[in-house]
Amino acid sequence: MIQASEVRKKFSQVEQSIHQAAQACQKSQSASSEIKASVENLDKQSNETKAKLQKSEDEASIRQYVDELDVLVDKCKNACDKDGKIDQETKNAVNKASKELSDLKLQLH
């Protein structure tokens, strides 16, 4: 398992990608209100996860926090994949956030 400090560092990159996805989604003319709400919730949860990670050194808790966020990012990604009208910028931003979080999750397990 990677060190908690390294997880926090890598999570900062993930959080930035999630925030960029939220920004792209909010300015999108083609994203449905459902997708916008999902990505906004993901952005909010990533902030909460960051706060939890700042306080935690416990490996099991760290994995749990990342796993919980991964469920949300997967829902956003699936919603984007199913929506044939969503713009490519938003879809790419959500996919990037999903990939980065999945990569971090793999390092934790």
Protein backbone atom coordinates (compact mmCIF):
# COMPACT_ATOMS: atom_id res chain seq x y z
CA MET A 1 0.00 0.00 0.00
CA ILE A 2 1.22 3.47 -0.76
CA GLN A 3 1.73 5.93 2.09
CA ALA A 4 -1.20 8.08 3.25
CA SER A 5 0.74 11.21 2.27
CA GLU A 6 1.19 9.86 -1.26
CA VAL A 7 -2.54 9.03 -1.44
CA ARG A 8 -3.38 12.61 -0.46
CA LYS A 9 -1.01 13.95 -3.10
CA LYS A 10 -2.47 11.74 -5.83
CA PHE A 11 -6.00 12.48 -4.66
CA SER A 12 -5.37 16.19 -5.12
CA GLN A 13 -4.86 15.48 -8.82
CA VAL A 14 -8.06 13.42 -8.92
CA GLU A 15 -9.95 16.17 -7.12
CA GLN A 16 -8.73 18.73 -9.64
CA SER A 17 -9.94 16.54 -12.51
CA ILE A 18 -13.32 16.10 -10.83
CA HIS A 19 -13.60 19.85 -10.36
CA GLN A 20 -12.73 20.40 -14.04
CA ALA A 21 -15.43 17.88 -15.01
CA ALA A 22 -17.93 19.78 -12.86
CA GLN A 23 -16.99 23.06 -14.52
CA ALA A 24 -17.28 21.56 -18.01
CA CYS A 25 -20.62 20.04 -17.12
CA GLN A 26 -22.05 23.27 -15.71
CA LYS A 27 -21.15 25.27 -18.80
CA SER A 28 -22.37 22.52 -21.13
CA GLN A 29 -25.49 23.27 -23.13
CA SER A 30 -26.07 19.59 -23.88
CA ALA A 31 -25.63 17.94 -20.47
CA SER A 32 -28.92 16.86 -18.96
CA SER A 33 -29.97 18.15 -15.56
CA GLU A 34 -29.47 14.61 -14.22
CA ILE A 35 -25.86 14.54 -15.37
CA LYS A 36 -25.24 18.05 -14.06
CA ALA A 37 -26.65 17.08 -10.65
CA SER A 38 -24.59 13.86 -10.57
CA VAL A 39 -21.34 15.60 -11.44
CA GLU A 40 -22.07 18.42 -8.99
CA ASN A 41 -22.66 15.82 -6.27
CA LEU A 42 -19.40 14.09 -7.27
CA ASP A 43 -17.53 17.40 -6.93
CA LYS A 44 -19.06 17.99 -3.49
CA GLN A 45 -18.23 14.46 -2.36
CA SER A 46 -14.65 14.78 -3.59
CA ASN A 47 -14.23 17.81 -1.33
CA GLU A 48 -15.59 15.80 1.60
CA THR A 49 -13.34 12.87 0.73
CA LYS A 50 -10.33 15.17 0.66
CA ALA A 51 -11.19 16.39 4.17
CA LYS A 52 -11.51 12.79 5.39
CA LEU A 53 -8.19 11.83 3.80
CA GLN A 54 -6.46 14.75 5.53
CA LYS A 55 -7.45 13.27 8.90
CA SER A 56 -6.86 9.60 8.19
CA GLU A 57 -3.78 7.42 8.35
CA ASP A 58 -5.76 4.15 8.50
CA GLU A 59 -5.36 2.11 5.29
CA ALA A 60 -8.82 0.54 5.48
CA SER A 61 -10.51 3.91 5.91
CA ILE A 62 -8.53 5.44 3.07
CA ARG A 63 -9.54 2.58 0.76
CA GLN A 64 -13.17 2.95 1.83
CA TYR A 65 -13.22 6.71 1.10
CA VAL A 66 -11.74 6.19 -2.35
CA ASP A 67 -14.07 3.25 -3.07
CA GLU A 68 -17.14 5.30 -2.12
CA LEU A 69 -16.10 8.10 -4.45
CA ASP A 70 -15.35 5.59 -7.19
CA VAL A 71 -18.98 4.42 -7.11
CA LEU A 72 -20.13 8.00 -7.72
CA VAL A 73 -17.66 8.65 -10.54
CA ASP A 74 -18.76 5.41 -12.21
CA LYS A 75 -22.39 6.55 -12.08
CA CYS A 76 -21.42 9.85 -13.70
CA LYS A 77 -19.35 8.11 -16.36
CA ASN A 78 -22.16 5.66 -17.15
CA ALA A 79 -24.69 8.48 -17.39
CA CYS A 80 -22.42 10.34 -19.80
CA ASP A 81 -21.84 7.21 -21.88
CA LYS A 82 -25.61 6.61 -22.19
CA ASP A 83 -26.39 10.22 -23.12
CA GLY A 84 -25.94 10.53 -26.87
CA LYS A 85 -26.32 14.30 -26.77
CA ILE A 86 -23.64 15.24 -24.27
CA ASP A 87 -20.75 17.32 -25.59
CA GLN A 88 -17.33 15.73 -25.97
CA GLU A 89 -15.59 18.14 -23.59
CA THR A 90 -17.82 17.15 -20.68
CA LYS A 91 -17.64 13.46 -21.51
CA ASN A 92 -13.83 13.61 -21.78
CA ALA A 93 -13.54 15.48 -18.46
CA VAL A 94 -15.70 12.91 -16.65
CA ASN A 95 -13.78 10.04 -18.26
CA LYS A 96 -10.46 11.59 -17.19
CA ALA A 97 -11.64 11.92 -13.58
CA SER A 98 -12.91 8.34 -13.65
CA LYS A 99 -9.61 7.00 -15.00
CA GLU A 100 -7.50 8.90 -12.48
CA LEU A 101 -9.64 7.73 -9.56
CA SER A 102 -9.58 4.13 -10.86
CA ASP A 103 -5.79 4.29 -11.12
CA LEU A 104 -5.56 5.48 -7.51
CA LYS A 105 -7.98 2.78 -6.41
CA LEU A 106 -5.82 0.10 -8.08
CA GLN A 107 -2.79 1.35 -6.16
CA LEU A 108 -4.72 1.01 -2.90
CA HIS A 109 -5.88 -2.58 -3.44
